[in-house]
Every structure is written in C-alpha cells, then in structure tokens.
Protein backbone atom coordinates (compact mmCIF):
# COMPACT_ATOMS: atom_id res chain seq x y z
CA MET A 1 -0.38 0.17 0.21
CA GLU A 2 1.76 3.20 -0.48
CA ASP A 3 1.87 6.23 1.68
CA LYS A 4 -0.51 9.38 1.07
CA PHE A 5 0.45 13.27 2.14
CA LYS A 6 -0.52 16.09 2.85
CA VAL A 7 1.07 19.16 2.99
CA LYS A 8 0.45 22.31 4.66
CA GLN A 9 2.13 25.73 3.02
CA THR A 10 3.34 27.57 4.86
CA GLY A 11 3.09 30.70 2.88
CA GLU A 12 6.29 30.92 2.03
CA ILE A 13 7.32 30.96 -1.68
CA ASN A 14 8.92 27.09 -2.43
CA THR A 15 8.17 26.85 1.31
CA PHE A 16 5.79 23.34 3.39
CA THR A 17 5.41 21.35 5.21
CA VAL A 18 4.97 17.15 4.84
CA THR A 19 3.03 15.44 7.97
CA VAL A 20 2.92 12.04 6.54
CA GLU A 21 -0.58 10.46 7.78
CA LYS A 22 -1.07 6.46 7.18
CA ASP A 23 -4.75 6.47 5.03
CA LYS A 24 -6.56 9.03 5.59
CA ALA A 25 -4.80 11.79 4.25
CA VAL A 26 -4.25 12.70 -0.09
CA ASN A 27 -2.17 15.16 -1.66
CA PRO A 28 -3.90 18.40 -2.07
CA ALA A 29 -5.38 19.65 -5.56
CA GLY A 30 -2.27 21.76 -6.84
CA MET A 31 -0.09 20.26 -4.69
CA GLU A 32 0.90 17.78 -8.17
CA LYS A 33 3.76 19.69 -9.01
CA ASN A 34 5.73 18.90 -5.72
CA PHE A 35 5.11 15.45 -5.04
CA ASN A 36 8.89 14.31 -6.41
CA LEU A 37 10.26 17.39 -3.62
CA ILE A 38 8.50 15.81 -1.26
CA LYS A 39 9.70 12.04 -2.24
CA ALA A 40 13.02 13.75 -1.48
CA LEU A 41 12.02 15.15 1.30
CA LEU A 42 10.63 11.81 3.33
CA ASN A 43 13.72 9.82 1.87
CA ASN A 44 16.19 12.96 3.45
CA LYS A 45 17.33 13.16 -0.19
CA LYS A 46 18.02 16.98 -1.83
CA GLU A 47 16.79 17.52 -5.11
CA SER A 48 18.13 17.61 -8.00
CA ALA A 49 19.43 20.18 -9.52
CA ASN A 50 18.99 20.13 -12.28
CA PRO A 51 15.98 18.79 -13.94
CA ARG A 52 16.66 16.81 -16.81
CA ALA A 53 20.06 15.21 -13.77
CA LYS A 54 20.59 11.19 -15.42
CA TYR A 55 20.62 10.43 -11.71
CA ASP A 56 18.20 11.17 -9.01
CA SER A 57 20.89 10.39 -6.00
CA ILE A 58 24.06 8.61 -5.41
CA GLU A 59 23.03 4.96 -4.75
CA GLU A 60 21.47 5.72 -8.22
CA PHE A 61 24.26 6.38 -9.61
CA VAL A 62 26.37 4.04 -8.25
CA ALA A 63 23.72 1.33 -8.62
CA ASN A 64 24.65 2.30 -12.55
CA THR A 65 27.99 1.48 -12.60
CA ASP A 66 29.62 -0.71 -13.81
CA PHE A 67 32.45 -1.76 -10.74
CA LYS A 68 33.88 -5.20 -12.41
CA GLN A 69 34.65 -3.23 -16.47
CA LEU A 70 36.03 -0.16 -13.69
CA CYS A 71 38.18 -2.55 -12.49
CA ASP A 72 39.53 -3.41 -15.56
CA GLN A 73 39.43 -0.20 -17.03
CA LYS A 74 41.93 1.22 -13.88
CA ALA A 75 44.20 -1.81 -14.48
CA ILE A 76 44.66 -0.83 -18.21
CA ILE A 77 45.45 2.73 -17.75
CA VAL A 78 47.51 1.17 -15.19
CA LYS A 79 49.52 -0.76 -17.91
CA ALA A 80 49.47 2.26 -19.99
CA THR A 81 51.67 3.47 -17.23
CA SER A 82 54.67 0.79 -17.92
CA ASP A 83 56.21 0.82 -20.72
CA GLU A 84 54.16 -1.99 -22.21
CA PRO A 85 51.67 -0.54 -25.31
CA LEU A 86 48.26 -0.69 -25.23
CA THR A 87 45.91 -3.06 -27.80
CA ALA A 88 42.89 -1.54 -30.05
CA ASP A 89 40.16 -3.18 -27.34
CA GLU A 90 43.14 -1.98 -24.62
CA LYS A 91 41.76 1.71 -25.98
CA ALA A 92 38.56 1.40 -26.87
CA GLU A 93 38.26 0.38 -22.47
CA LEU A 94 40.20 4.48 -22.33
CA GLU A 95 37.02 5.33 -23.72
CA GLY A 96 34.79 3.32 -21.42
CA MET A 97 36.55 5.51 -18.92
CA LEU A 98 36.16 8.24 -20.44
CA SER A 99 32.88 8.23 -19.93
CA PHE A 100 33.03 7.28 -16.52
CA LEU A 101 34.49 9.69 -15.52
CA ASP A 102 32.70 12.62 -17.33
CA ALA A 103 29.03 10.77 -16.27
CA PHE A 104 30.93 11.94 -13.04
CA GLN A 105 31.52 14.65 -13.27
CA ASP A 106 28.41 15.56 -14.75
CA PHE A 107 26.58 13.66 -11.32
CA CYS A 108 28.15 16.31 -9.56
CA THR A 109 27.40 19.60 -10.94
CA ASP A 110 23.71 18.27 -12.16
CA THR A 111 22.35 16.53 -9.38
CA LEU A 112 24.92 17.51 -6.29
CA GLY A 113 24.54 21.91 -7.52
CA GLU A 114 28.14 21.93 -7.54
CA ASP A 115 29.65 24.79 -8.66
CA GLU A 116 30.92 23.74 -12.72
CA LYS A 117 34.07 25.81 -12.30
CA ARG A 118 34.68 23.44 -9.61
CA ILE A 119 34.44 20.85 -10.81
CA PHE A 120 35.27 21.20 -14.51
CA PRO A 121 38.37 23.64 -14.55
CA ASN A 122 39.90 23.94 -17.47
CA MET A 123 36.99 23.70 -19.35
CA ASP A 124 37.70 26.89 -21.66
CA ASN A 125 34.48 29.35 -21.10
CA SER A 126 34.99 31.67 -24.53
C-alpha cells in the first residue's frame, strides 16, 4: 500500500511542511508538481540541481556503475603507465573510463549542484 501525504503550505515561496498520515490524507489539488520534492524530503534527499539530471542520487549512480568494468579499466590505466603497449581493445576501454569520469562530473554538477568551474576547471568558456 502506498503512503499518502498531507501538505501544509506555510505561506513562504517553495516552503511547506509534510505530515505523513497513513490512510487519511492525499495531496491537495495543485500540489502535484511538488510530489518529487516531497518524496525527496521524506527520503532525506536533496532535489537534483538540474531537473534533467541522469541520476537523482549517489545510490542510483553507484547502482548503475559496472564495477567489474571499472576495475578492468583501472588495470588498463596501470598498464598504460608502463612500457607495455596497449591493444586497440584496451584503448577503447579507456574511452569507457573517460565516459565514466564525465558521468561523475555531470552528477556532481547536475544532481549535487556543485559549481561547474570547480568540477570542470580546465573547460574553456569562450
């Protein structure tokens, strides 16, 4: 059974109190747009800084990470720092590692709201 929420507006913009009353209340009309924020508050999670963020939480980001592949890619980086040449497949795997790092940076800015200049310090904004 799904929990239902009673929302009390406080009069301040974007501020409200959420009271959980099982089997008694539903969201009042007009509060549908705040449903995701209410869920985040109940889960002790911040709303994403960017509504189009790919992942809404660090847990979701971690759950979607292939750690076996990440370990394999790290091993290739170790090999790349040695004198042993990389195969074409290993070079392709390094592109996967770059994609992971890009996704992590995007998560930091889009979901956590970190300053882009801090997360992408070498990006030219011209």
